[in-house]
N, C-alpha and C. Protein backbone atom coordinates (compact mmCIF):
# COMPACT_ATOMS: atom_id res chain seq x y z
N MET A 1 76.38 106.41 90.64
CA MET A 1 77.01 107.52 91.38
C MET A 1 78.45 107.14 91.75
N ILE A 2 79.37 108.08 91.53
CA ILE A 2 80.78 107.85 91.85
C ILE A 2 81.05 108.26 93.30
N LYS A 3 81.50 107.31 94.08
CA LYS A 3 81.83 107.60 95.47
C LYS A 3 83.34 107.70 95.62
N ASP A 4 83.79 108.89 95.95
CA ASP A 4 85.22 109.13 96.16
C ASP A 4 85.35 110.05 97.37
N ASP A 5 85.37 109.46 98.55
CA ASP A 5 85.32 110.26 99.77
C ASP A 5 86.70 110.52 100.36
N TYR A 6 86.72 111.15 101.51
CA TYR A 6 87.98 111.56 102.13
C TYR A 6 88.87 110.36 102.42
N ARG A 7 88.26 109.22 102.71
CA ARG A 7 89.03 108.01 103.00
C ARG A 7 89.76 107.53 101.75
N HIS A 8 89.06 107.50 100.63
CA HIS A 8 89.70 107.12 99.37
C HIS A 8 90.85 108.07 99.04
N LYS A 9 90.60 109.35 99.23
CA LYS A 9 91.63 110.35 98.91
C LYS A 9 92.83 110.22 99.83
N GLY A 10 92.57 109.87 101.07
CA GLY A 10 93.67 109.65 102.02
C GLY A 10 94.50 108.44 101.64
N LEU A 11 93.83 107.39 101.21
CA LEU A 11 94.53 106.18 100.78
C LEU A 11 95.35 106.45 99.51
N ARG A 12 94.80 107.28 98.62
CA ARG A 12 95.54 107.65 97.40
C ARG A 12 96.80 108.43 97.75
N LYS A 13 96.67 109.32 98.70
CA LYS A 13 97.83 110.12 99.12
C LYS A 13 98.93 109.21 99.67
N GLN A 14 98.52 108.24 100.48
CA GLN A 14 99.49 107.28 101.03
C GLN A 14 100.15 106.48 99.91
N MET A 15 99.35 106.08 98.92
CA MET A 15 99.88 105.32 97.80
C MET A 15 100.91 106.13 97.02
N VAL A 16 100.60 107.41 96.81
CA VAL A 16 101.52 108.29 96.09
C VAL A 16 102.83 108.45 96.86
N GLU A 17 102.72 108.57 98.18
CA GLU A 17 103.93 108.68 99.01
C GLU A 17 104.77 107.41 98.91
N GLU A 18 104.10 106.25 98.84
CA GLU A 18 104.81 104.98 98.69
C GLU A 18 105.51 104.91 97.34
N LEU A 19 104.83 105.37 96.28
CA LEU A 19 105.44 105.36 94.95
C LEU A 19 106.69 106.23 94.92
N ALA A 20 106.65 107.34 95.64
CA ALA A 20 107.81 108.24 95.70
C ALA A 20 108.99 107.54 96.37
N THR A 21 108.71 106.75 97.41
CA THR A 21 109.79 106.02 98.09
C THR A 21 110.35 104.90 97.21
N LYS A 22 109.55 104.45 96.25
CA LYS A 22 109.99 103.38 95.36
C LYS A 22 110.73 103.92 94.13
N GLY A 23 110.89 105.23 94.06
CA GLY A 23 111.72 105.79 93.00
C GLY A 23 111.01 106.62 91.95
N ILE A 24 109.70 106.83 92.09
CA ILE A 24 108.98 107.71 91.15
C ILE A 24 109.20 109.15 91.59
N THR A 25 109.95 109.90 90.79
CA THR A 25 110.33 111.26 91.18
C THR A 25 109.57 112.34 90.42
N ASP A 26 108.83 111.95 89.39
CA ASP A 26 108.09 112.93 88.58
C ASP A 26 106.87 113.40 89.36
N ARG A 27 106.94 114.62 89.89
CA ARG A 27 105.87 115.13 90.74
C ARG A 27 104.58 115.37 89.96
N VAL A 28 104.70 115.67 88.68
CA VAL A 28 103.50 115.89 87.85
C VAL A 28 102.75 114.57 87.70
N VAL A 29 103.48 113.49 87.45
CA VAL A 29 102.86 112.16 87.34
C VAL A 29 102.23 111.76 88.67
N LEU A 30 102.95 111.97 89.75
CA LEU A 30 102.41 111.63 91.07
C LEU A 30 101.14 112.43 91.36
N GLY A 31 101.13 113.68 90.94
CA GLY A 31 99.96 114.53 91.13
C GLY A 31 98.76 114.01 90.35
N ALA A 32 99.01 113.55 89.12
CA ALA A 32 97.93 113.00 88.29
C ALA A 32 97.38 111.73 88.93
N ILE A 33 98.26 110.87 89.43
CA ILE A 33 97.83 109.62 90.06
C ILE A 33 97.02 109.89 91.32
N GLU A 34 97.37 110.94 92.02
CA GLU A 34 96.63 111.27 93.24
C GLU A 34 95.20 111.74 92.93
N LYS A 35 94.98 112.21 91.71
CA LYS A 35 93.65 112.69 91.33
C LYS A 35 92.71 111.58 90.85
N VAL A 36 93.28 110.47 90.39
CA VAL A 36 92.46 109.42 89.75
C VAL A 36 91.98 108.38 90.77
N PRO A 37 90.67 108.21 90.94
CA PRO A 37 90.11 107.25 91.90
C PRO A 37 90.25 105.81 91.41
N ARG A 38 91.35 105.17 91.72
CA ARG A 38 91.64 103.83 91.21
C ARG A 38 90.55 102.82 91.58
N HIS A 39 89.92 103.00 92.74
CA HIS A 39 88.92 102.03 93.19
C HIS A 39 87.71 101.97 92.26
N ILE A 40 87.45 103.05 91.52
CA ILE A 40 86.30 103.08 90.61
C ILE A 40 86.49 102.09 89.46
N PHE A 41 87.73 101.79 89.12
CA PHE A 41 88.03 100.93 87.97
C PHE A 41 88.06 99.45 88.35
N MET A 42 87.80 99.15 89.61
CA MET A 42 87.94 97.78 90.09
C MET A 42 86.63 97.22 90.58
N ASP A 43 86.54 95.89 90.57
CA ASP A 43 85.38 95.21 91.12
C ASP A 43 85.22 95.57 92.59
N SER A 44 83.97 95.68 93.03
CA SER A 44 83.70 96.07 94.42
C SER A 44 84.39 95.16 95.44
N ALA A 45 84.67 93.91 95.05
CA ALA A 45 85.33 92.97 95.95
C ALA A 45 86.75 93.40 96.27
N PHE A 46 87.33 94.25 95.42
CA PHE A 46 88.72 94.66 95.61
C PHE A 46 88.86 96.11 96.08
N VAL A 47 87.75 96.79 96.32
CA VAL A 47 87.79 98.20 96.66
C VAL A 47 88.69 98.49 97.86
N GLU A 48 88.61 97.64 98.87
CA GLU A 48 89.41 97.86 100.08
C GLU A 48 90.91 97.73 99.80
N LEU A 49 91.26 97.09 98.68
CA LEU A 49 92.67 96.86 98.35
C LEU A 49 93.16 97.78 97.22
N ALA A 50 92.28 98.66 96.77
CA ALA A 50 92.54 99.43 95.55
C ALA A 50 93.81 100.27 95.60
N TYR A 51 94.21 100.70 96.77
CA TYR A 51 95.37 101.59 96.85
C TYR A 51 96.63 100.91 97.34
N GLN A 52 96.63 99.59 97.23
CA GLN A 52 97.86 98.84 97.41
C GLN A 52 98.58 98.76 96.07
N ASN A 53 99.90 98.60 96.13
CA ASN A 53 100.68 98.54 94.90
C ASN A 53 100.64 97.12 94.33
N LYS A 54 99.44 96.75 93.87
CA LYS A 54 99.23 95.41 93.34
C LYS A 54 98.35 95.48 92.09
N ALA A 55 98.49 94.43 91.26
CA ALA A 55 97.60 94.28 90.11
C ALA A 55 96.41 93.43 90.52
N PHE A 56 95.24 93.69 89.94
CA PHE A 56 94.04 92.93 90.28
C PHE A 56 93.27 92.59 89.00
N PRO A 57 92.54 91.47 89.01
CA PRO A 57 91.76 91.10 87.83
C PRO A 57 90.61 92.07 87.58
N ILE A 58 90.34 92.32 86.28
CA ILE A 58 89.25 93.23 85.91
C ILE A 58 88.28 92.56 84.95
N GLY A 59 88.45 91.25 84.75
CA GLY A 59 87.59 90.52 83.82
C GLY A 59 88.27 90.27 82.49
N ALA A 60 87.73 89.32 81.74
CA ALA A 60 88.24 88.97 80.40
C ALA A 60 89.70 88.56 80.44
N GLY A 61 90.14 88.02 81.58
CA GLY A 61 91.52 87.56 81.70
C GLY A 61 92.54 88.68 81.79
N GLN A 62 92.09 89.90 82.04
CA GLN A 62 92.97 91.06 82.10
C GLN A 62 93.12 91.57 83.53
N THR A 63 94.09 92.47 83.73
CA THR A 63 94.32 93.03 85.06
C THR A 63 94.48 94.55 84.99
N ILE A 64 94.24 95.19 86.12
CA ILE A 64 94.60 96.60 86.27
C ILE A 64 96.04 96.60 86.77
N SER A 65 96.90 97.37 86.12
CA SER A 65 98.33 97.32 86.42
C SER A 65 98.66 97.85 87.81
N HIS A 66 99.84 97.43 88.31
CA HIS A 66 100.36 97.99 89.55
C HIS A 66 100.43 99.52 89.41
N PRO A 67 100.09 100.26 90.43
CA PRO A 67 100.26 101.72 90.38
C PRO A 67 101.69 102.12 90.04
N PHE A 68 102.68 101.35 90.54
CA PHE A 68 104.07 101.67 90.23
C PHE A 68 104.32 101.58 88.73
N THR A 69 103.77 100.54 88.09
CA THR A 69 103.96 100.36 86.66
C THR A 69 103.34 101.51 85.87
N VAL A 70 102.13 101.91 86.28
CA VAL A 70 101.45 103.04 85.63
C VAL A 70 102.27 104.32 85.79
N ALA A 71 102.77 104.54 87.00
CA ALA A 71 103.57 105.74 87.26
C ALA A 71 104.89 105.69 86.48
N PHE A 72 105.51 104.52 86.44
CA PHE A 72 106.80 104.37 85.76
C PHE A 72 106.66 104.60 84.26
N GLN A 73 105.66 103.96 83.65
CA GLN A 73 105.45 104.16 82.21
C GLN A 73 105.08 105.61 81.90
N SER A 74 104.25 106.20 82.74
CA SER A 74 103.83 107.60 82.53
C SER A 74 105.03 108.53 82.63
N SER A 75 105.93 108.26 83.57
CA SER A 75 107.14 109.07 83.72
C SER A 75 108.05 108.94 82.50
N LEU A 76 108.23 107.70 82.02
CA LEU A 76 109.06 107.48 80.84
C LEU A 76 108.50 108.18 79.61
N LEU A 77 107.18 108.27 79.55
CA LEU A 77 106.53 108.86 78.37
C LEU A 77 106.78 110.36 78.26
N GLN A 78 107.03 111.01 79.40
CA GLN A 78 107.31 112.45 79.44
C GLN A 78 106.22 113.26 78.72
N VAL A 79 105.02 113.12 79.23
CA VAL A 79 103.85 113.75 78.61
C VAL A 79 103.86 115.27 78.80
N ALA A 80 103.63 115.97 77.72
CA ALA A 80 103.43 117.42 77.77
C ALA A 80 101.96 117.70 77.49
N PRO A 81 101.37 118.70 78.17
CA PRO A 81 99.96 119.01 77.95
C PRO A 81 99.66 119.25 76.47
N GLY A 82 98.55 118.66 76.01
CA GLY A 82 98.13 118.85 74.63
C GLY A 82 98.68 117.82 73.66
N GLU A 83 99.60 116.98 74.12
CA GLU A 83 100.16 115.98 73.22
C GLU A 83 99.12 114.92 72.86
N LYS A 84 99.27 114.41 71.66
CA LYS A 84 98.37 113.38 71.13
C LYS A 84 99.00 112.01 71.39
N ILE A 85 98.32 111.21 72.21
CA ILE A 85 98.91 109.94 72.66
C ILE A 85 98.03 108.76 72.26
N LEU A 86 98.68 107.74 71.71
CA LEU A 86 98.01 106.48 71.39
C LEU A 86 98.32 105.48 72.50
N GLU A 87 97.26 104.93 73.09
CA GLU A 87 97.42 103.91 74.12
C GLU A 87 96.95 102.57 73.57
N ILE A 88 97.80 101.56 73.65
CA ILE A 88 97.45 100.22 73.21
C ILE A 88 97.10 99.40 74.46
N GLY A 89 95.82 99.06 74.58
CA GLY A 89 95.34 98.32 75.74
C GLY A 89 94.65 99.23 76.74
N THR A 90 93.41 99.60 76.44
CA THR A 90 92.65 100.47 77.36
C THR A 90 92.46 99.80 78.70
N GLY A 91 92.17 98.49 78.68
CA GLY A 91 91.99 97.75 79.93
C GLY A 91 90.92 98.35 80.81
N SER A 92 91.28 98.60 82.06
CA SER A 92 90.33 99.18 83.02
C SER A 92 90.06 100.65 82.76
N GLY A 93 90.98 101.32 82.05
CA GLY A 93 90.87 102.76 81.84
C GLY A 93 91.67 103.57 82.84
N TYR A 94 92.35 102.90 83.75
CA TYR A 94 93.11 103.61 84.79
C TYR A 94 94.30 104.38 84.20
N GLN A 95 95.10 103.70 83.39
CA GLN A 95 96.22 104.40 82.74
C GLN A 95 95.71 105.50 81.82
N THR A 96 94.63 105.24 81.13
CA THR A 96 94.01 106.24 80.26
C THR A 96 93.71 107.51 81.04
N SER A 97 93.13 107.34 82.23
CA SER A 97 92.74 108.48 83.06
C SER A 97 93.95 109.26 83.54
N VAL A 98 95.02 108.56 83.89
CA VAL A 98 96.24 109.25 84.31
C VAL A 98 96.80 110.10 83.17
N LEU A 99 96.79 109.56 81.97
CA LEU A 99 97.26 110.32 80.81
C LEU A 99 96.40 111.56 80.57
N LEU A 100 95.10 111.41 80.75
CA LEU A 100 94.19 112.55 80.59
C LEU A 100 94.44 113.61 81.66
N GLU A 101 94.72 113.17 82.88
CA GLU A 101 95.03 114.11 83.96
C GLU A 101 96.35 114.84 83.70
N LEU A 102 97.21 114.22 82.90
CA LEU A 102 98.47 114.87 82.52
C LEU A 102 98.28 115.86 81.38
N GLY A 103 97.04 115.96 80.89
CA GLY A 103 96.73 116.94 79.85
C GLY A 103 96.83 116.43 78.44
N ALA A 104 96.98 115.10 78.27
CA ALA A 104 97.11 114.54 76.93
C ALA A 104 95.76 114.40 76.24
N ARG A 105 95.81 114.34 74.92
CA ARG A 105 94.65 113.95 74.10
C ARG A 105 94.86 112.47 73.81
N VAL A 106 94.00 111.63 74.37
CA VAL A 106 94.24 110.19 74.35
C VAL A 106 93.37 109.45 73.34
N TYR A 107 94.02 108.62 72.54
CA TYR A 107 93.36 107.69 71.63
C TYR A 107 93.74 106.30 72.11
N SER A 108 92.75 105.50 72.48
CA SER A 108 93.05 104.23 73.12
C SER A 108 92.35 103.06 72.42
N ILE A 109 93.07 101.94 72.29
CA ILE A 109 92.54 100.75 71.62
C ILE A 109 92.42 99.60 72.62
N GLU A 110 91.27 98.93 72.59
CA GLU A 110 91.05 97.73 73.41
C GLU A 110 90.52 96.62 72.52
N ARG A 111 91.02 95.41 72.68
CA ARG A 111 90.56 94.31 71.83
C ARG A 111 89.66 93.32 72.56
N GLN A 112 89.30 93.60 73.81
CA GLN A 112 88.31 92.81 74.53
C GLN A 112 87.00 93.59 74.56
N LYS A 113 85.97 93.07 73.89
CA LYS A 113 84.71 93.81 73.78
C LYS A 113 84.09 94.08 75.15
N TYR A 114 84.18 93.11 76.04
CA TYR A 114 83.63 93.28 77.39
C TYR A 114 84.27 94.49 78.09
N LEU A 115 85.58 94.58 78.02
CA LEU A 115 86.27 95.70 78.67
C LEU A 115 86.03 97.01 77.93
N PHE A 116 85.98 96.95 76.61
CA PHE A 116 85.72 98.16 75.82
C PHE A 116 84.41 98.80 76.25
N ASP A 117 83.35 98.00 76.35
CA ASP A 117 82.03 98.52 76.72
C ASP A 117 82.00 98.99 78.18
N LYS A 118 82.56 98.19 79.07
CA LYS A 118 82.55 98.51 80.50
C LYS A 118 83.36 99.77 80.79
N THR A 119 84.56 99.83 80.24
CA THR A 119 85.46 100.95 80.52
C THR A 119 84.94 102.25 79.93
N ARG A 120 84.34 102.18 78.77
CA ARG A 120 83.78 103.38 78.16
C ARG A 120 82.75 104.03 79.10
N MET A 121 81.92 103.21 79.74
CA MET A 121 80.92 103.74 80.67
C MET A 121 81.57 104.35 81.91
N ILE A 122 82.59 103.69 82.44
CA ILE A 122 83.27 104.19 83.64
C ILE A 122 83.94 105.53 83.36
N LEU A 123 84.65 105.62 82.25
CA LEU A 123 85.33 106.87 81.91
C LEU A 123 84.34 108.00 81.71
N ASN A 124 83.20 107.68 81.10
CA ASN A 124 82.16 108.68 80.90
C ASN A 124 81.62 109.19 82.22
N LYS A 125 81.39 108.27 83.16
CA LYS A 125 80.88 108.67 84.49
C LYS A 125 81.87 109.57 85.23
N LEU A 126 83.16 109.34 84.99
CA LEU A 126 84.19 110.14 85.65
C LEU A 126 84.43 111.48 84.94
N GLY A 127 83.78 111.66 83.79
CA GLY A 127 83.92 112.92 83.06
C GLY A 127 85.10 112.96 82.11
N TYR A 128 85.70 111.80 81.85
CA TYR A 128 86.81 111.74 80.91
C TYR A 128 86.27 111.46 79.50
N ASP A 129 86.97 111.99 78.49
CA ASP A 129 86.47 111.86 77.13
C ASP A 129 87.58 111.51 76.14
N PRO A 130 88.23 110.35 76.30
CA PRO A 130 89.22 109.93 75.31
C PRO A 130 88.53 109.39 74.06
N TYR A 131 89.29 109.22 72.98
CA TYR A 131 88.77 108.52 71.81
C TYR A 131 89.05 107.04 72.03
N LEU A 132 88.01 106.22 72.13
CA LEU A 132 88.16 104.80 72.38
C LEU A 132 87.84 104.00 71.12
N SER A 133 88.67 102.99 70.87
CA SER A 133 88.48 102.15 69.69
C SER A 133 88.53 100.68 70.08
N TYR A 134 87.63 99.89 69.49
CA TYR A 134 87.64 98.44 69.68
C TYR A 134 88.34 97.83 68.49
N GLY A 135 89.56 97.33 68.68
CA GLY A 135 90.29 96.81 67.54
C GLY A 135 91.61 96.19 67.89
N ASP A 136 92.46 96.02 66.90
CA ASP A 136 93.75 95.34 67.00
C ASP A 136 94.85 96.34 67.30
N GLY A 137 95.42 96.22 68.50
CA GLY A 137 96.47 97.15 68.91
C GLY A 137 97.72 97.09 68.07
N PHE A 138 98.00 95.94 67.46
CA PHE A 138 99.20 95.82 66.62
C PHE A 138 99.11 96.76 65.42
N LYS A 139 97.89 97.06 64.99
CA LYS A 139 97.70 97.92 63.82
C LYS A 139 97.69 99.40 64.18
N GLY A 140 97.42 99.71 65.45
CA GLY A 140 97.34 101.10 65.85
C GLY A 140 96.13 101.79 65.26
N LEU A 141 96.24 103.09 65.08
CA LEU A 141 95.16 103.88 64.47
C LEU A 141 95.77 104.77 63.38
N PRO A 142 96.13 104.17 62.25
CA PRO A 142 96.80 104.94 61.19
C PRO A 142 95.99 106.13 60.69
N GLY A 143 94.67 106.03 60.78
CA GLY A 143 93.83 107.14 60.33
C GLY A 143 93.94 108.39 61.19
N PHE A 144 94.49 108.22 62.40
CA PHE A 144 94.64 109.35 63.32
C PHE A 144 96.11 109.73 63.52
N ALA A 145 97.01 108.96 62.92
CA ALA A 145 98.45 109.22 63.05
C ALA A 145 98.84 110.50 62.31
N PRO A 146 99.99 111.11 62.67
CA PRO A 146 100.97 110.62 63.64
C PRO A 146 100.62 111.00 65.07
N PHE A 147 101.25 110.28 66.01
CA PHE A 147 101.08 110.52 67.44
C PHE A 147 102.38 111.03 68.04
N ASP A 148 102.25 111.93 69.00
CA ASP A 148 103.44 112.44 69.70
C ASP A 148 104.06 111.35 70.57
N LYS A 149 103.19 110.54 71.17
CA LYS A 149 103.65 109.47 72.06
C LYS A 149 102.76 108.24 71.86
N ILE A 150 103.34 107.07 72.09
CA ILE A 150 102.58 105.82 72.09
C ILE A 150 102.95 105.04 73.34
N ILE A 151 101.95 104.54 74.07
CA ILE A 151 102.20 103.72 75.25
C ILE A 151 101.49 102.39 75.07
N VAL A 152 102.21 101.31 75.30
CA VAL A 152 101.66 99.96 75.19
C VAL A 152 101.59 99.36 76.59
N THR A 153 100.38 98.97 77.01
CA THR A 153 100.18 98.52 78.39
C THR A 153 99.96 97.01 78.48
N CYS A 154 100.51 96.28 77.51
CA CYS A 154 100.47 94.81 77.51
C CYS A 154 101.78 94.33 76.90
N GLY A 155 102.12 93.08 77.19
CA GLY A 155 103.41 92.56 76.75
C GLY A 155 103.43 92.19 75.29
N ALA A 156 104.28 92.85 74.51
CA ALA A 156 104.36 92.60 73.08
C ALA A 156 105.37 91.49 72.78
N PRO A 157 105.01 90.53 71.92
CA PRO A 157 105.93 89.46 71.57
C PRO A 157 107.08 89.94 70.67
N PHE A 158 106.89 91.10 70.06
CA PHE A 158 107.90 91.72 69.21
C PHE A 158 107.57 93.21 69.11
N LEU A 159 108.46 93.96 68.50
CA LEU A 159 108.25 95.40 68.35
C LEU A 159 107.39 95.66 67.11
N PRO A 160 106.14 96.10 67.29
CA PRO A 160 105.24 96.29 66.13
C PRO A 160 105.68 97.45 65.23
N GLN A 161 106.07 97.11 64.02
CA GLN A 161 106.56 98.13 63.08
C GLN A 161 105.47 99.13 62.71
N ALA A 162 104.22 98.67 62.66
CA ALA A 162 103.11 99.57 62.30
C ALA A 162 102.99 100.70 63.31
N LEU A 163 103.26 100.40 64.58
CA LEU A 163 103.18 101.43 65.62
C LEU A 163 104.34 102.42 65.50
N LEU A 164 105.52 101.91 65.25
CA LEU A 164 106.68 102.79 65.10
C LEU A 164 106.44 103.81 63.99
N LYS A 165 105.81 103.38 62.90
CA LYS A 165 105.56 104.28 61.77
C LYS A 165 104.50 105.34 62.08
N GLN A 166 103.72 105.11 63.16
CA GLN A 166 102.68 106.08 63.53
C GLN A 166 103.19 107.14 64.52
N LEU A 167 104.47 107.04 64.88
CA LEU A 167 105.08 108.07 65.73
C LEU A 167 105.50 109.26 64.87
N THR A 168 105.30 110.44 65.40
CA THR A 168 105.82 111.62 64.72
C THR A 168 107.34 111.67 64.88
N ILE A 169 108.03 112.40 64.01
CA ILE A 169 109.47 112.58 64.18
C ILE A 169 109.67 113.35 65.49
N GLY A 170 110.51 112.81 66.34
CA GLY A 170 110.68 113.39 67.68
C GLY A 170 109.77 112.75 68.70
N GLY A 171 108.94 111.79 68.25
CA GLY A 171 108.00 111.12 69.15
C GLY A 171 108.65 110.00 69.94
N ARG A 172 107.90 109.47 70.90
CA ARG A 172 108.42 108.44 71.81
C ARG A 172 107.39 107.34 72.03
N MET A 173 107.87 106.10 72.07
CA MET A 173 107.02 104.97 72.41
C MET A 173 107.58 104.27 73.64
N VAL A 174 106.69 103.93 74.58
CA VAL A 174 107.05 103.14 75.76
C VAL A 174 106.32 101.82 75.64
N ILE A 175 107.08 100.71 75.63
CA ILE A 175 106.48 99.40 75.35
C ILE A 175 107.26 98.27 76.02
N PRO A 176 106.57 97.33 76.68
CA PRO A 176 107.25 96.14 77.18
C PRO A 176 107.32 95.08 76.07
N VAL A 177 108.53 94.63 75.77
CA VAL A 177 108.73 93.68 74.66
C VAL A 177 109.41 92.41 75.18
N GLU A 178 108.93 91.27 74.69
CA GLU A 178 109.49 89.99 75.13
C GLU A 178 110.88 89.76 74.56
N GLU A 179 111.78 89.41 75.46
CA GLU A 179 113.15 89.06 75.06
C GLU A 179 113.60 87.89 75.93
N GLU A 180 113.86 86.76 75.32
CA GLU A 180 114.34 85.57 76.04
C GLU A 180 113.44 85.21 77.22
N GLY A 181 112.13 85.25 76.96
CA GLY A 181 111.16 84.85 77.97
C GLY A 181 110.86 85.90 79.02
N LYS A 182 111.42 87.10 78.89
CA LYS A 182 111.17 88.18 79.84
C LYS A 182 110.59 89.39 79.11
N LEU A 183 109.80 90.18 79.83
CA LEU A 183 109.27 91.42 79.26
C LEU A 183 110.15 92.58 79.71
N ILE A 184 110.78 93.22 78.76
CA ILE A 184 111.68 94.33 79.04
C ILE A 184 111.03 95.64 78.64
N MET A 185 110.96 96.58 79.57
CA MET A 185 110.40 97.89 79.28
C MET A 185 111.36 98.67 78.39
N LYS A 186 110.85 99.12 77.26
CA LYS A 186 111.68 99.84 76.30
C LYS A 186 111.12 101.23 76.00
N VAL A 187 112.01 102.15 75.80
CA VAL A 187 111.67 103.49 75.32
C VAL A 187 112.31 103.63 73.95
N ILE A 188 111.49 103.97 72.96
CA ILE A 188 111.98 104.12 71.59
C ILE A 188 111.65 105.52 71.10
N ASP A 189 112.68 106.28 70.78
CA ASP A 189 112.52 107.63 70.26
C ASP A 189 112.74 107.63 68.75
N ARG A 190 111.82 108.23 68.03
CA ARG A 190 111.98 108.36 66.57
C ARG A 190 112.68 109.69 66.28
N VAL A 191 113.93 109.62 65.91
CA VAL A 191 114.71 110.84 65.72
C VAL A 191 114.72 111.34 64.27
N GLU A 192 114.54 110.39 63.33
CA GLU A 192 114.43 110.73 61.91
C GLU A 192 113.42 109.78 61.28
N GLU A 193 113.13 109.95 60.01
CA GLU A 193 112.15 109.12 59.32
C GLU A 193 112.41 107.63 59.54
N ASN A 194 113.65 107.21 59.39
CA ASN A 194 113.99 105.79 59.54
C ASN A 194 115.07 105.57 60.60
N ASP A 195 115.11 106.46 61.58
CA ASP A 195 116.15 106.37 62.61
C ASP A 195 115.50 106.40 63.99
N TYR A 196 115.73 105.33 64.77
CA TYR A 196 115.14 105.20 66.09
C TYR A 196 116.24 104.94 67.12
N VAL A 197 116.06 105.49 68.30
CA VAL A 197 116.99 105.23 69.41
C VAL A 197 116.23 104.47 70.49
N GLN A 198 116.82 103.38 70.96
CA GLN A 198 116.15 102.51 71.93
C GLN A 198 116.91 102.44 73.25
N MET A 199 116.14 102.48 74.36
CA MET A 199 116.70 102.34 75.70
C MET A 199 115.89 101.30 76.47
N ASP A 200 116.55 100.53 77.32
CA ASP A 200 115.88 99.50 78.12
C ASP A 200 115.81 99.93 79.58
N PHE A 201 114.68 99.58 80.23
CA PHE A 201 114.46 100.01 81.62
C PHE A 201 114.00 98.87 82.53
N GLY A 202 114.53 97.69 82.30
CA GLY A 202 114.29 96.59 83.23
C GLY A 202 113.08 95.73 82.92
N GLU A 203 112.92 94.70 83.76
CA GLU A 203 111.89 93.68 83.55
C GLU A 203 110.59 94.02 84.28
N PHE A 204 109.46 93.79 83.61
CA PHE A 204 108.14 94.03 84.17
C PHE A 204 107.22 92.87 83.81
N ARG A 205 106.06 92.83 84.45
CA ARG A 205 105.05 91.82 84.12
C ARG A 205 103.81 92.46 83.54
N PHE A 206 103.29 91.88 82.46
CA PHE A 206 102.08 92.37 81.81
C PHE A 206 101.31 91.17 81.24
N VAL A 207 100.01 91.36 81.05
CA VAL A 207 99.26 90.36 80.29
C VAL A 207 99.71 90.48 78.83
N PRO A 208 99.58 89.41 78.06
CA PRO A 208 100.08 89.44 76.67
C PRO A 208 99.24 90.31 75.73
N MET A 209 99.91 90.84 74.75
CA MET A 209 99.26 91.60 73.68
C MET A 209 98.81 90.62 72.61
N LEU A 210 97.52 90.64 72.28
CA LEU A 210 96.96 89.70 71.30
C LEU A 210 96.37 90.44 70.11
N GLU A 211 96.44 89.79 68.96
CA GLU A 211 95.96 90.42 67.73
C GLU A 211 94.44 90.34 67.58
N LYS A 212 93.89 89.14 67.76
CA LYS A 212 92.47 88.93 67.46
C LYS A 212 91.57 89.65 68.45
N ARG A 213 90.59 90.36 67.92
CA ARG A 213 89.60 91.00 68.80
C ARG A 213 88.81 89.93 69.52
N GLN A 214 88.52 90.16 70.79
CA GLN A 214 87.84 89.16 71.61
C GLN A 214 86.42 89.61 71.95
N GLY A 215 85.46 88.73 71.73
CA GLY A 215 84.09 89.02 72.18
C GLY A 215 83.23 89.77 71.20
N SER A 216 83.66 89.87 69.94
CA SER A 216 82.84 90.60 68.96
C SER A 216 81.68 89.76 68.50
């Protein structure tokens, strides 16, 4: 049974107000975040801390991202209802849920079997129905391409060319990429078949993006 009472909703509202003071101005994104019960995606030991702007462990060496990071990436993605979005790194499913609340059709890849199985059950209990895949995020999902948007929720050691090719013309990818030992948030717009425009949006922290599937 999913418990999401008035106290949780009050804490979410406070969290959203804090995100607004930190510079998140997209009211649609803030509205989506206010709807998603973040505490459901976390171990019961962290429930009391669920609405703080912090990352927490979720198992398999992974973390649930800071709410600010989720809001920031979601804002950069500029999601329009009905858009087809590829998410690399399902993780806890929290970012997945925010994208679904924004009206996207979400295709998400996770390479940790433990998280893939656990998160699929949580999303189902919450009534969300994304397409979930257990596999290598570097390869994307070419069989379902092209995608209007791609979001990468783990630190990439380089810019995966396979993912860029799965963007539709006019599509956008938001991805943290390692540069000189730092992870820099990048927005890449595909303007023509072989023409991309790139913008940088500062340094962030993420768990690393890995090729090999874990736990199969």
